Amino acid sequence: MKLNFDPALPIYTQIVDGFKQEICSGNLAPGEKIAPVRELAIELGVNPNTLQRAMGELEREGLLYTERTSGRFVTNDIELIQKLKSELTSGLVEEFLCKMTALGCSIHQIKQLIDMKGEVKHE
């Protein structure tokens, strides 16, 4: 996982968000084993305590679980992953719509722009 940290935000929350995106996108599959904390901390260039705090938060939310002798894994709860994905996408759409309407775009114009960009991407 590669994260570009924003110095204005707590690192552990950015790690939590990064894991959520990886889980929702399928880059981290349900039941997949997560690398050990020390290994991930080195990979991300963060303090192991910071990473441990993020892992704890993800476990509290049910997105990761620990098996004592085997390590840490992504949840197998597909409904939970779908719910998270729905929440994340809904937030992105709301943010997008707020920014576009702040620029003076109508919903009709926004739909046209999305259609045009969608057509360009499929070409």
PDB file of N, CA and C in Angstrom:
ATOM      1  N   MET A   1       0.849  -1.173   0.000  1.00  0.00           N
ATOM      2  CA  MET A   1       0.000   0.000   0.000  1.00  0.00           C
ATOM      3  C   MET A   1       0.892   1.232   0.000  1.00  0.00           C
ATOM      4  N   LYS A   2       0.498   2.206  -0.788  1.00  0.00           N
ATOM      5  CA  LYS A   2       1.241   3.457  -0.879  1.00  0.00           C
ATOM      6  C   LYS A   2       0.315   4.583  -0.446  1.00  0.00           C
ATOM      7  N   LEU A   3       0.756   5.371   0.521  1.00  0.00           N
ATOM      8  CA  LEU A   3      -0.037   6.503   0.995  1.00  0.00           C
ATOM      9  C   LEU A   3       0.810   7.765   0.938  1.00  0.00           C
ATOM     10  N   ASN A   4       0.196   8.843   0.498  1.00  0.00           N
ATOM     11  CA  ASN A   4       0.832  10.163   0.538  1.00  0.00           C
ATOM     12  C   ASN A   4       0.178  10.920   1.682  1.00  0.00           C
ATOM     13  N   PHE A   5       0.909  11.083   2.760  1.00  0.00           N
ATOM     14  CA  PHE A   5       0.321  11.651   3.959  1.00  0.00           C
ATOM     15  C   PHE A   5       0.175  13.165   3.866  1.00  0.00           C
ATOM     16  N   ASP A   6      -0.976  13.643   4.325  1.00  0.00           N
ATOM     17  CA  ASP A   6      -1.263  15.067   4.431  1.00  0.00           C
ATOM     18  C   ASP A   6      -0.821  15.504   5.827  1.00  0.00           C
ATOM     19  N   PRO A   7       0.138  16.425   5.919  1.00  0.00           N
ATOM     20  CA  PRO A   7       0.636  16.815   7.246  1.00  0.00           C
ATOM     21  C   PRO A   7      -0.410  17.514   8.117  1.00  0.00           C
ATOM     22  N   ALA A   8      -1.516  17.910   7.520  1.00  0.00           N
ATOM     23  CA  ALA A   8      -2.554  18.604   8.283  1.00  0.00           C
ATOM     24  C   ALA A   8      -3.503  17.633   8.998  1.00  0.00           C
ATOM     25  N   LEU A   9      -3.392  16.327   8.687  1.00  0.00           N
ATOM     26  CA  LEU A   9      -4.303  15.340   9.275  1.00  0.00           C
ATOM     27  C   LEU A   9      -3.518  14.302  10.067  1.00  0.00           C
ATOM     28  N   PRO A  10      -4.137  13.722  11.103  1.00  0.00           N
ATOM     29  CA  PRO A  10      -3.456  12.663  11.857  1.00  0.00           C
ATOM     30  C   PRO A  10      -3.103  11.489  10.939  1.00  0.00           C
ATOM     31  N   ILE A  11      -1.894  10.998  11.094  1.00  0.00           N
ATOM     32  CA  ILE A  11      -1.425   9.917  10.227  1.00  0.00           C
ATOM     33  C   ILE A  11      -2.256   8.650  10.419  1.00  0.00           C
ATOM     34  N   TYR A  12      -2.606   8.337  11.681  1.00  0.00           N
ATOM     35  CA  TYR A  12      -3.337   7.075  11.885  1.00  0.00           C
ATOM     36  C   TYR A  12      -4.697   7.097  11.185  1.00  0.00           C
ATOM     37  N   THR A  13      -5.350   8.268  11.126  1.00  0.00           N
ATOM     38  CA  THR A  13      -6.645   8.320  10.430  1.00  0.00           C
ATOM     39  C   THR A  13      -6.455   8.160   8.918  1.00  0.00           C
ATOM     40  N   GLN A  14      -5.337   8.645   8.419  1.00  0.00           N
ATOM     41  CA  GLN A  14      -5.057   8.483   6.998  1.00  0.00           C
ATOM     42  C   GLN A  14      -4.762   7.011   6.674  1.00  0.00           C
ATOM     43  N   ILE A  15      -4.116   6.331   7.608  1.00  0.00           N
ATOM     44  CA  ILE A  15      -3.861   4.898   7.420  1.00  0.00           C
ATOM     45  C   ILE A  15      -5.193   4.135   7.448  1.00  0.00           C
ATOM     46  N   VAL A  16      -6.051   4.491   8.402  1.00  0.00           N
ATOM     47  CA  VAL A  16      -7.379   3.854   8.478  1.00  0.00           C
ATOM     48  C   VAL A  16      -8.124   4.054   7.156  1.00  0.00           C
ATOM     49  N   ASP A  17      -8.132   5.284   6.665  1.00  0.00           N
ATOM     50  CA  ASP A  17      -8.820   5.577   5.399  1.00  0.00           C
ATOM     51  C   ASP A  17      -8.196   4.806   4.236  1.00  0.00           C
ATOM     52  N   GLY A  18      -6.871   4.713   4.228  1.00  0.00           N
ATOM     53  CA  GLY A  18      -6.177   3.973   3.170  1.00  0.00           C
ATOM     54  C   GLY A  18      -6.561   2.497   3.170  1.00  0.00           C
ATOM     55  N   PHE A  19      -6.652   1.907   4.364  1.00  0.00           N
ATOM     56  CA  PHE A  19      -7.063   0.502   4.453  1.00  0.00           C
ATOM     57  C   PHE A  19      -8.499   0.331   4.007  1.00  0.00           C
ATOM     58  N   LYS A  20      -9.354   1.275   4.387  1.00  0.00           N
ATOM     59  CA  LYS A  20     -10.755   1.181   3.977  1.00  0.00           C
ATOM     60  C   LYS A  20     -10.862   1.196   2.452  1.00  0.00           C
ATOM     61  N   GLN A  21     -10.092   2.059   1.818  1.00  0.00           N
ATOM     62  CA  GLN A  21     -10.126   2.116   0.356  1.00  0.00           C
ATOM     63  C   GLN A  21      -9.612   0.817  -0.257  1.00  0.00           C
ATOM     64  N   GLU A  22      -8.551   0.287   0.316  1.00  0.00           N
ATOM     65  CA  GLU A  22      -7.993  -0.962  -0.204  1.00  0.00           C
ATOM     66  C   GLU A  22      -8.988  -2.119  -0.059  1.00  0.00           C
ATOM     67  N   ILE A  23      -9.707  -2.135   1.060  1.00  0.00           N
ATOM     68  CA  ILE A  23     -10.692  -3.191   1.292  1.00  0.00           C
ATOM     69  C   ILE A  23     -11.878  -3.021   0.332  1.00  0.00           C
ATOM     70  N   CYS A  24     -12.379  -1.798   0.213  1.00  0.00           N
ATOM     71  CA  CYS A  24     -13.542  -1.558  -0.660  1.00  0.00           C
ATOM     72  C   CYS A  24     -13.217  -1.804  -2.131  1.00  0.00           C
ATOM     73  N   SER A  25     -12.005  -1.486  -2.531  1.00  0.00           N
ATOM     74  CA  SER A  25     -11.632  -1.669  -3.936  1.00  0.00           C
ATOM     75  C   SER A  25     -11.335  -3.126  -4.279  1.00  0.00           C
ATOM     76  N   GLY A  26     -11.164  -3.946  -3.242  1.00  0.00           N
ATOM     77  CA  GLY A  26     -10.837  -5.350  -3.470  1.00  0.00           C
ATOM     78  C   GLY A  26      -9.346  -5.612  -3.537  1.00  0.00           C
ATOM     79  N   ASN A  27      -8.539  -4.558  -3.406  1.00  0.00           N
ATOM     80  CA  ASN A  27      -7.089  -4.768  -3.378  1.00  0.00           C
ATOM     81  C   ASN A  27      -6.690  -5.583  -2.147  1.00  0.00           C
ATOM     82  N   LEU A  28      -7.462  -5.445  -1.083  1.00  0.00           N
ATOM     83  CA  LEU A  28      -7.339  -6.336   0.077  1.00  0.00           C
ATOM     84  C   LEU A  28      -8.624  -7.162   0.097  1.00  0.00           C
ATOM     85  N   ALA A  29      -8.501  -8.432  -0.195  1.00  0.00           N
ATOM     86  CA  ALA A  29      -9.669  -9.308  -0.323  1.00  0.00           C
ATOM     87  C   ALA A  29     -10.168  -9.772   1.046  1.00  0.00           C
ATOM     88  N   PRO A  30     -11.459 -10.099   1.131  1.00  0.00           N
ATOM     89  CA  PRO A  30     -11.976 -10.664   2.376  1.00  0.00           C
ATOM     90  C   PRO A  30     -11.168 -11.889   2.785  1.00  0.00           C
ATOM     91  N   GLY A  31     -10.776 -11.920   4.043  1.00  0.00           N
ATOM     92  CA  GLY A  31     -10.002 -13.043   4.566  1.00  0.00           C
ATOM     93  C   GLY A  31      -8.511 -12.967   4.303  1.00  0.00           C
ATOM     94  N   GLU A  32      -8.076 -11.949   3.564  1.00  0.00           N
ATOM     95  CA  GLU A  32      -6.652 -11.833   3.242  1.00  0.00           C
ATOM     96  C   GLU A  32      -5.841 -11.461   4.482  1.00  0.00           C
ATOM     97  N   LYS A  33      -4.688 -12.078   4.588  1.00  0.00           N
ATOM     98  CA  LYS A  33      -3.809 -11.801   5.726  1.00  0.00           C
ATOM     99  C   LYS A  33      -3.108 -10.460   5.514  1.00  0.00           C
ATOM    100  N   ILE A  34      -3.024  -9.681   6.603  1.00  0.00           N
ATOM    101  CA  ILE A  34      -2.357  -8.389   6.583  1.00  0.00           C
ATOM    102  C   ILE A  34      -0.909  -8.581   7.043  1.00  0.00           C
ATOM    103  N   ALA A  35      -0.005  -7.869   6.425  1.00  0.00           N
ATOM    104  CA  ALA A  35       1.406  -7.957   6.819  1.00  0.00           C
ATOM    105  C   ALA A  35       1.556  -7.531   8.282  1.00  0.00           C
ATOM    106  N   PRO A  36       2.584  -8.025   8.943  1.00  0.00           N
ATOM    107  CA  PRO A  36       2.805  -7.640  10.345  1.00  0.00           C
ATOM    108  C   PRO A  36       3.002  -6.121  10.498  1.00  0.00           C
ATOM    109  N   VAL A  37       2.676  -5.623  11.688  1.00  0.00           N
ATOM    110  CA  VAL A  37       2.740  -4.186  11.975  1.00  0.00           C
ATOM    111  C   VAL A  37       4.115  -3.608  11.667  1.00  0.00           C
ATOM    112  N   ARG A  38       5.147  -4.254  12.132  1.00  0.00           N
ATOM    113  CA  ARG A  38       6.503  -3.707  11.907  1.00  0.00           C
ATOM    114  C   ARG A  38       6.833  -3.618  10.418  1.00  0.00           C
ATOM    115  N   GLU A  39       6.442  -4.630   9.680  1.00  0.00           N
ATOM    116  CA  GLU A  39       6.699  -4.637   8.238  1.00  0.00           C
ATOM    117  C   GLU A  39       5.929  -3.512   7.537  1.00  0.00           C
ATOM    118  N   LEU A  40       4.649  -3.362   7.899  1.00  0.00           N
ATOM    119  CA  LEU A  40       3.835  -2.289   7.310  1.00  0.00           C
ATOM    120  C   LEU A  40       4.351  -0.913   7.719  1.00  0.00           C
ATOM    121  N   ALA A  41       4.780  -0.786   8.980  1.00  0.00           N
ATOM    122  CA  ALA A  41       5.288   0.500   9.457  1.00  0.00           C
ATOM    123  C   ALA A  41       6.504   0.923   8.642  1.00  0.00           C
ATOM    124  N   ILE A  42       7.372  -0.018   8.349  1.00  0.00           N
ATOM    125  CA  ILE A  42       8.558   0.283   7.532  1.00  0.00           C
ATOM    126  C   ILE A  42       8.120   0.660   6.118  1.00  0.00           C
ATOM    127  N   GLU A  43       7.189  -0.113   5.569  1.00  0.00           N
ATOM    128  CA  GLU A  43       6.697   0.146   4.207  1.00  0.00           C
ATOM    129  C   GLU A  43       6.084   1.537   4.081  1.00  0.00           C
ATOM    130  N   LEU A  44       5.319   1.939   5.109  1.00  0.00           N
ATOM    131  CA  LEU A  44       4.635   3.233   5.062  1.00  0.00           C
ATOM    132  C   LEU A  44       5.483   4.371   5.615  1.00  0.00           C
ATOM    133  N   GLY A  45       6.580   4.016   6.275  1.00  0.00           N
ATOM    134  CA  GLY A  45       7.461   5.039   6.847  1.00  0.00           C
ATOM    135  C   GLY A  45       6.850   5.720   8.062  1.00  0.00           C
ATOM    136  N   VAL A  46       6.131   4.937   8.885  1.00  0.00           N
ATOM    137  CA  VAL A  46       5.508   5.491  10.082  1.00  0.00           C
ATOM    138  C   VAL A  46       5.968   4.727  11.314  1.00  0.00           C
ATOM    139  N   ASN A  47       5.694   5.299  12.481  1.00  0.00           N
ATOM    140  CA  ASN A  47       6.013   4.657  13.745  1.00  0.00           C
ATOM    141  C   ASN A  47       5.100   3.435  13.924  1.00  0.00           C
ATOM    142  N   PRO A  48       5.637   2.298  14.390  1.00  0.00           N
ATOM    143  CA  PRO A  48       4.796   1.114  14.610  1.00  0.00           C
ATOM    144  C   PRO A  48       3.618   1.375  15.550  1.00  0.00           C
ATOM    145  N   ASN A  49       3.796   2.264  16.535  1.00  0.00           N
ATOM    146  CA  ASN A  49       2.685   2.583  17.449  1.00  0.00           C
ATOM    147  C   ASN A  49       1.539   3.270  16.706  1.00  0.00           C
ATOM    148  N   THR A  50       1.894   4.115  15.745  1.00  0.00           N
ATOM    149  CA  THR A  50       0.874   4.789  14.939  1.00  0.00           C
ATOM    150  C   THR A  50       0.108   3.769  14.118  1.00  0.00           C
ATOM    151  N   LEU A  51       0.844   2.849  13.532  1.00  0.00           N
ATOM    152  CA  LEU A  51       0.194   1.815  12.722  1.00  0.00           C
ATOM    153  C   LEU A  51      -0.671   0.909  13.597  1.00  0.00           C
ATOM    154  N   GLN A  52      -0.176   0.589  14.778  1.00  0.00           N
ATOM    155  CA  GLN A  52      -0.941  -0.254  15.701  1.00  0.00           C
ATOM    156  C   GLN A  52      -2.253   0.430  16.083  1.00  0.00           C
ATOM    157  N   ARG A  53      -2.191   1.734  16.281  1.00  0.00           N
ATOM    158  CA  ARG A  53      -3.412   2.494  16.610  1.00  0.00           C
ATOM    159  C   ARG A  53      -4.424   2.405  15.462  1.00  0.00           C
ATOM    160  N   ALA A  54      -3.937   2.523  14.235  1.00  0.00           N
ATOM    161  CA  ALA A  54      -4.818   2.420  13.063  1.00  0.00           C
ATOM    162  C   ALA A  54      -5.419   1.010  12.971  1.00  0.00           C
ATOM    163  N   MET A  55      -4.597  -0.015  13.205  1.00  0.00           N
ATOM    164  CA  MET A  55      -5.092  -1.391  13.141  1.00  0.00           C
ATOM    165  C   MET A  55      -6.161  -1.615  14.209  1.00  0.00           C
ATOM    166  N   GLY A  56      -5.929  -1.045  15.401  1.00  0.00           N
ATOM    167  CA  GLY A  56      -6.909  -1.157  16.477  1.00  0.00           C
ATOM    168  C   GLY A  56      -8.243  -0.529  16.083  1.00  0.00           C
ATOM    169  N   GLU A  57      -8.180   0.615  15.436  1.00  0.00           N
ATOM    170  CA  GLU A  57      -9.410   1.286  14.988  1.00  0.00           C
ATOM    171  C   GLU A  57     -10.141   0.425  13.945  1.00  0.00           C
ATOM    172  N   LEU A  58      -9.390  -0.139  13.019  1.00  0.00           N
ATOM    173  CA  LEU A  58     -10.000  -0.988  11.992  1.00  0.00           C
ATOM    174  C   LEU A  58     -10.612  -2.252  12.609  1.00  0.00           C
ATOM    175  N   GLU A  59      -9.985  -2.763  13.655  1.00  0.00           N
ATOM    176  CA  GLU A  59     -10.559  -3.924  14.354  1.00  0.00           C
ATOM    177  C   GLU A  59     -11.836  -3.536  15.095  1.00  0.00           C
ATOM    178  N   ARG A  60     -11.824  -2.353  15.729  1.00  0.00           N
ATOM    179  CA  ARG A  60     -13.033  -1.894  16.433  1.00  0.00           C
ATOM    180  C   ARG A  60     -14.203  -1.728  15.458  1.00  0.00           C
ATOM    181  N   GLU A  61     -13.896  -1.325  14.242  1.00  0.00           N
ATOM    182  CA  GLU A  61     -14.942  -1.155  13.235  1.00  0.00           C
ATOM    183  C   GLU A  61     -15.318  -2.483  12.580  1.00  0.00           C
ATOM    184  N   GLY A  62     -14.606  -3.545  12.913  1.00  0.00           N
ATOM    185  CA  GLY A  62     -14.928  -4.865  12.390  1.00  0.00           C
ATOM    186  C   GLY A  62     -14.340  -5.165  11.028  1.00  0.00           C
ATOM    187  N   LEU A  63     -13.479  -4.284  10.534  1.00  0.00           N
ATOM    188  CA  LEU A  63     -12.920  -4.487   9.193  1.00  0.00           C
ATOM    189  C   LEU A  63     -11.705  -5.417   9.200  1.00  0.00           C
ATOM    190  N   LEU A  64     -11.051  -5.527  10.335  1.00  0.00           N
ATOM    191  CA  LEU A  64      -9.943  -6.465  10.486  1.00  0.00           C
ATOM    192  C   LEU A  64     -10.210  -7.300  11.741  1.00  0.00           C
ATOM    193  N   TYR A  65      -9.638  -8.483  11.774  1.00  0.00           N
ATOM    194  CA  TYR A  65      -9.696  -9.297  12.986  1.00  0.00           C
ATOM    195  C   TYR A  65      -8.368  -9.998  13.160  1.00  0.00           C
ATOM    196  N   THR A  66      -8.088 -10.345  14.408  1.00  0.00           N
ATOM    197  CA  THR A  66      -6.819 -10.986  14.737  1.00  0.00           C
ATOM    198  C   THR A  66      -7.057 -12.405  15.203  1.00  0.00           C
ATOM    199  N   GLU A  67      -6.261 -13.309  14.680  1.00  0.00           N
ATOM    200  CA  GLU A  67      -6.230 -14.678  15.191  1.00  0.00           C
ATOM    201  C   GLU A  67      -4.907 -14.818  15.915  1.00  0.00           C
ATOM    202  N   ARG A  68      -4.970 -15.184  17.162  1.00  0.00           N
ATOM    203  CA  ARG A  68      -3.822 -15.141  18.054  1.00  0.00           C
ATOM    204  C   ARG A  68      -2.491 -15.603  17.471  1.00  0.00           C
ATOM    205  N   THR A  69      -2.469 -16.739  16.887  1.00  0.00           N
ATOM    206  CA  THR A  69      -1.184 -17.271  16.429  1.00  0.00           C
ATOM    207  C   THR A  69      -0.950 -17.081  14.934  1.00  0.00           C
ATOM    208  N   SER A  70      -1.964 -16.604  14.229  1.00  0.00           N
ATOM    209  CA  SER A  70      -1.845 -16.522  12.773  1.00  0.00           C
ATOM    210  C   SER A  70      -1.637 -15.114  12.234  1.00  0.00           C
ATOM    211  N   GLY A  71      -2.097 -14.101  12.971  1.00  0.00           N
ATOM    212  CA  GLY A  71      -1.925 -12.731  12.508  1.00  0.00           C
ATOM    213  C   GLY A  71      -3.248 -12.001  12.342  1.00  0.00           C
ATOM    214  N   ARG A  72      -3.216 -10.987  11.543  1.00  0.00           N
ATOM    215  CA  ARG A  72      -4.381 -10.109  11.343  1.00  0.00           C
ATOM    216  C   ARG A  72      -4.915 -10.294   9.919  1.00  0.00           C
ATOM    217  N   PHE A  73      -6.265 -10.269   9.796  1.00  0.00           N
ATOM    218  CA  PHE A  73      -6.908 -10.558   8.521  1.00  0.00           C
ATOM    219  C   PHE A  73      -8.009  -9.546   8.217  1.00  0.00           C
ATOM    220  N   VAL A  74      -8.334  -9.418   6.934  1.00  0.00           N
ATOM    221  CA  VAL A  74      -9.465  -8.600   6.500  1.00  0.00           C
ATOM    222  C   VAL A  74     -10.739  -9.382   6.812  1.00  0.00           C
ATOM    223  N   THR A  75     -11.762  -8.670   7.236  1.00  0.00           N
ATOM    224  CA  THR A  75     -13.032  -9.325   7.558  1.00  0.00           C
ATOM    225  C   THR A  75     -13.576 -10.116   6.375  1.00  0.00           C
ATOM    226  N   ASN A  76     -14.322 -11.155   6.697  1.00  0.00           N
ATOM    227  CA  ASN A  76     -15.033 -11.926   5.678  1.00  0.00           C
ATOM    228  C   ASN A  76     -16.481 -11.466   5.546  1.00  0.00           C
ATOM    229  N   ASP A  77     -16.846 -10.434   6.295  1.00  0.00           N
ATOM    230  CA  ASP A  77     -18.212  -9.924   6.312  1.00  0.00           C
ATOM    231  C   ASP A  77     -18.445  -9.043   5.070  1.00  0.00           C
ATOM    232  N   ILE A  78     -18.967  -9.663   4.025  1.00  0.00           N
ATOM    233  CA  ILE A  78     -19.176  -8.960   2.755  1.00  0.00           C
ATOM    234  C   ILE A  78     -20.184  -7.820   2.915  1.00  0.00           C
ATOM    235  N   GLU A  79     -21.203  -8.029   3.728  1.00  0.00           N
ATOM    236  CA  GLU A  79     -22.202  -6.964   3.945  1.00  0.00           C
ATOM    237  C   GLU A  79     -21.560  -5.737   4.579  1.00  0.00           C
ATOM    238  N   LEU A  80     -20.661  -5.948   5.521  1.00  0.00           N
ATOM    239  CA  LEU A  80     -19.965  -4.830   6.168  1.00  0.00           C
ATOM    240  C   LEU A  80     -19.117  -4.073   5.149  1.00  0.00           C
ATOM    241  N   ILE A  81     -18.437  -4.824   4.288  1.00  0.00           N
ATOM    242  CA  ILE A  81     -17.606  -4.186   3.252  1.00  0.00           C
ATOM    243  C   ILE A  81     -18.493  -3.403   2.284  1.00  0.00           C
ATOM    244  N   GLN A  82     -19.617  -3.968   1.885  1.00  0.00           N
ATOM    245  CA  GLN A  82     -20.536  -3.269   0.977  1.00  0.00           C
ATOM    246  C   GLN A  82     -21.114  -2.016   1.629  1.00  0.00           C
ATOM    247  N   LYS A  83     -21.425  -2.103   2.922  1.00  0.00           N
ATOM    248  CA  LYS A  83     -21.949  -0.945   3.654  1.00  0.00           C
ATOM    249  C   LYS A  83     -20.894   0.159   3.690  1.00  0.00           C
ATOM    250  N   LEU A  84     -19.668  -0.212   3.977  1.00  0.00           N
ATOM    251  CA  LEU A  84     -18.576   0.769   4.008  1.00  0.00           C
ATOM    252  C   LEU A  84     -18.394   1.402   2.633  1.00  0.00           C
ATOM    253  N   LYS A  85     -18.415   0.573   1.594  1.00  0.00           N
ATOM    254  CA  LYS A  85     -18.253   1.092   0.230  1.00  0.00           C
ATOM    255  C   LYS A  85     -19.369   2.071  -0.108  1.00  0.00           C
ATOM    256  N   SER A  86     -20.576   1.746   0.291  1.00  0.00           N
ATOM    257  CA  SER A  86     -21.717   2.623   0.051  1.00  0.00           C
ATOM    258  C   SER A  86     -21.539   3.958   0.779  1.00  0.00           C
ATOM    259  N   GLU A  87     -21.068   3.906   2.027  1.00  0.00           N
ATOM    260  CA  GLU A  87     -20.837   5.138   2.803  1.00  0.00           C
ATOM    261  C   GLU A  87     -19.751   5.992   2.162  1.00  0.00           C
ATOM    262  N   LEU A  88     -18.663   5.341   1.749  1.00  0.00           N
ATOM    263  CA  LEU A  88     -17.548   6.090   1.155  1.00  0.00           C
ATOM    264  C   LEU A  88     -17.955   6.726  -0.176  1.00  0.00           C
ATOM    265  N   THR A  89     -18.644   5.962  -1.009  1.00  0.00           N
ATOM    266  CA  THR A  89     -19.033   6.510  -2.311  1.00  0.00           C
ATOM    267  C   THR A  89     -20.070   7.616  -2.152  1.00  0.00           C
ATOM    268  N   SER A  90     -20.988   7.444  -1.216  1.00  0.00           N
ATOM    269  CA  SER A  90     -21.999   8.467  -0.975  1.00  0.00           C
ATOM    270  C   SER A  90     -21.332   9.773  -0.528  1.00  0.00           C
ATOM    271  N   GLY A  91     -20.340   9.661   0.336  1.00  0.00           N
ATOM    272  CA  GLY A  91     -19.618  10.849   0.787  1.00  0.00           C
ATOM    273  C   GLY A  91     -18.898  11.551  -0.352  1.00  0.00           C
ATOM    274  N   LEU A  92     -18.296  10.761  -1.235  1.00  0.00           N
ATOM    275  CA  LEU A  92     -17.600  11.343  -2.382  1.00  0.00           C
ATOM    276  C   LEU A  92     -18.573  12.072  -3.311  1.00  0.00           C
ATOM    277  N   VAL A  93     -19.726  11.457  -3.541  1.00  0.00           N
ATOM    278  CA  VAL A  93     -20.724  12.076  -4.420  1.00  0.00           C
ATOM    279  C   VAL A  93     -21.235  13.374  -3.803  1.00  0.00           C
ATOM    280  N   GLU A  94     -21.511  13.352  -2.505  1.00  0.00           N
ATOM    281  CA  GLU A  94     -21.979  14.574  -1.829  1.00  0.00           C
ATOM    282  C   GLU A  94     -20.942  15.692  -1.938  1.00  0.00           C
ATOM    283  N   GLU A  95     -19.683  15.350  -1.693  1.00  0.00           N
ATOM    284  CA  GLU A  95     -18.597  16.332  -1.779  1.00  0.00           C
ATOM    285  C   GLU A  95     -18.496  16.887  -3.207  1.00  0.00           C
ATOM    286  N   PHE A  96     -18.570  15.999  -4.184  1.00  0.00           N
ATOM    287  CA  PHE A  96     -18.504  16.409  -5.582  1.00  0.00           C
ATOM    288  C   PHE A  96     -19.651  17.353  -5.928  1.00  0.00           C
ATOM    289  N   LEU A  97     -20.857  16.965  -5.528  1.00  0.00           N
ATOM    290  CA  LEU A  97     -22.031  17.792  -5.839  1.00  0.00           C
ATOM    291  C   LEU A  97     -21.949  19.155  -5.156  1.00  0.00           C
ATOM    292  N   CYS A  98     -21.470  19.193  -3.916  1.00  0.00           N
ATOM    293  CA  CYS A  98     -21.327  20.471  -3.204  1.00  0.00           C
ATOM    294  C   CYS A  98     -20.350  21.389  -3.947  1.00  0.00           C
ATOM    295  N   LYS A  99     -19.228  20.827  -4.381  1.00  0.00           N
ATOM    296  CA  LYS A  99     -18.225  21.626  -5.096  1.00  0.00           C
ATOM    297  C   LYS A  99     -18.751  22.107  -6.447  1.00  0.00           C
ATOM    298  N   MET A 100     -19.446  21.238  -7.143  1.00  0.00           N
ATOM    299  CA  MET A 100     -19.959  21.608  -8.463  1.00  0.00           C
ATOM    300  C   MET A 100     -21.069  22.666  -8.351  1.00  0.00           C
ATOM    301  N   THR A 101     -21.957  22.500  -7.391  1.00  0.00           N
ATOM    302  CA  THR A 101     -23.023  23.502  -7.231  1.00  0.00           C
ATOM    303  C   THR A 101     -22.444  24.814  -6.728  1.00  0.00           C
ATOM    304  N   ALA A 102     -21.362  24.767  -5.947  1.00  0.00           N
ATOM    305  CA  ALA A 102     -20.696  25.993  -5.499  1.00  0.00           C
ATOM    306  C   ALA A 102     -20.093  26.744  -6.687  1.00  0.00           C
ATOM    307  N   LEU A 103     -19.760  26.018  -7.736  1.00  0.00           N
ATOM    308  CA  LEU A 103     -19.234  26.638  -8.957  1.00  0.00           C
ATOM    309  C   LEU A 103     -20.365  27.135  -9.857  1.00  0.00           C
ATOM    310  N   GLY A 104     -21.586  26.910  -9.435  1.00  0.00           N
ATOM    311  CA  GLY A 104     -22.727  27.398 -10.196  1.00  0.00           C
ATOM    312  C   GLY A 104     -23.278  26.412 -11.204  1.00  0.00           C
ATOM    313  N   CYS A 105     -22.861  25.186 -11.146  1.00  0.00           N
ATOM    314  CA  CYS A 105     -23.348  24.171 -12.094  1.00  0.00           C
ATOM    315  C   CYS A 105     -24.701  23.624 -11.627  1.00  0.00           C
ATOM    316  N   SER A 106     -25.592  23.437 -12.569  1.00  0.00           N
ATOM    317  CA  SER A 106     -26.880  22.817 -12.250  1.00  0.00           C
ATOM    318  C   SER A 106     -26.703  21.292 -12.286  1.00  0.00           C
ATOM    319  N   ILE A 107     -27.678  20.602 -11.741  1.00  0.00           N
ATOM    320  CA  ILE A 107     -27.635  19.135 -11.774  1.00  0.00           C
ATOM    321  C   ILE A 107     -27.613  18.649 -13.223  1.00  0.00           C
ATOM    322  N   HIS A 108     -28.361  19.310 -14.076  1.00  0.00           N
ATOM    323  CA  HIS A 108     -28.377  18.937 -15.495  1.00  0.00           C
ATOM    324  C   HIS A 108     -26.972  19.083 -16.106  1.00  0.00           C
ATOM    325  N   GLN A 109     -26.292  20.196 -15.816  1.00  0.00           N
ATOM    326  CA  GLN A 109     -24.930  20.401 -16.343  1.00  0.00           C
ATOM    327  C   GLN A 109     -23.969  19.351 -15.781  1.00  0.00           C
ATOM    328  N   ILE A 110     -24.124  19.048 -14.509  1.00  0.00           N
ATOM    329  CA  ILE A 110     -23.246  18.049 -13.877  1.00  0.00           C
ATOM    330  C   ILE A 110     -23.432  16.693 -14.560  1.00  0.00           C
ATOM    331  N   LYS A 111     -24.683  16.313 -14.811  1.00  0.00           N
ATOM    332  CA  LYS A 111     -24.955  15.041 -15.488  1.00  0.00           C
ATOM    333  C   LYS A 111     -24.332  15.026 -16.884  1.00  0.00           C
ATOM    334  N   GLN A 112     -24.443  16.156 -17.598  1.00  0.00           N
ATOM    335  CA  GLN A 112     -23.850  16.223 -18.937  1.00  0.00           C
ATOM    336  C   GLN A 112     -22.338  16.053 -18.872  1.00  0.00           C
ATOM    337  N   LEU A 113     -21.705  16.715 -17.902  1.00  0.00           N
ATOM    338  CA  LEU A 113     -20.251  16.596 -17.759  1.00  0.00           C
ATOM    339  C   LEU A 113     -19.842  15.156 -17.445  1.00  0.00           C
ATOM    340  N   ILE A 114     -20.597  14.513 -16.574  1.00  0.00           N
ATOM    341  CA  ILE A 114     -20.287  13.121 -16.228  1.00  0.00           C
ATOM    342  C   ILE A 114     -20.435  12.233 -17.459  1.00  0.00           C
ATOM    343  N   ASP A 115     -21.514  12.433 -18.215  1.00  0.00           N
ATOM    344  CA  ASP A 115     -21.716  11.639 -19.437  1.00  0.00           C
ATOM    345  C   ASP A 115     -20.562  11.842 -20.418  1.00  0.00           C
ATOM    346  N   MET A 116     -20.156  13.121 -20.593  1.00  0.00           N
ATOM    347  CA  MET A 116     -19.057  13.406 -21.529  1.00  0.00           C
ATOM    348  C   MET A 116     -17.759  12.770 -21.063  1.00  0.00           C
ATOM    349  N   LYS A 117     -17.444  12.886 -19.797  1.00  0.00           N
ATOM    350  CA  LYS A 117     -16.199  12.301 -19.264  1.00  0.00           C
ATOM    351  C   LYS A 117     -16.247  10.782 -19.325  1.00  0.00           C
ATOM    352  N   GLY A 118     -17.437  10.229 -19.081  1.00  0.00           N
ATOM    353  CA  GLY A 118     -17.594   8.784 -19.146  1.00  0.00           C
ATOM    354  C   GLY A 118     -17.368   8.261 -20.555  1.00  0.00           C
ATOM    355  N   GLU A 119     -17.857   9.019 -21.541  1.00  0.00           N
ATOM    356  CA  GLU A 119     -17.661   8.617 -22.931  1.00  0.00           C
ATOM    357  C   GLU A 119     -16.193   8.693 -23.310  1.00  0.00           C
ATOM    358  N   VAL A 120     -15.498   9.725 -22.846  1.00  0.00           N
ATOM    359  CA  VAL A 120     -14.073   9.879 -23.148  1.00  0.00           C
ATOM    360  C   VAL A 120     -13.280   8.720 -22.551  1.00  0.00           C
ATOM    361  N   LYS A 121     -13.624   8.309 -21.338  1.00  0.00           N
ATOM    362  CA  LYS A 121     -12.896   7.214 -20.686  1.00  0.00           C
ATOM    363  C   LYS A 121     -13.120   5.883 -21.384  1.00  0.00           C
ATOM    364  N   HIS A 122     -14.277   5.705 -22.000  1.00  0.00           N
ATOM    365  CA  HIS A 122     -14.577   4.427 -22.656  1.00  0.00           C
ATOM    366  C   HIS A 122     -14.055   4.355 -24.080  1.00  0.00           C
ATOM    367  N   GLU A 123     -13.532   5.448 -24.600  1.00  0.00           N
ATOM    368  CA  GLU A 123     -13.019   5.432 -25.975  1.00  0.00           C
ATOM    369  C   GLU A 123     -11.639   4.807 -26.041  1.00  0.00           C
TER     370      GLU A 123
END
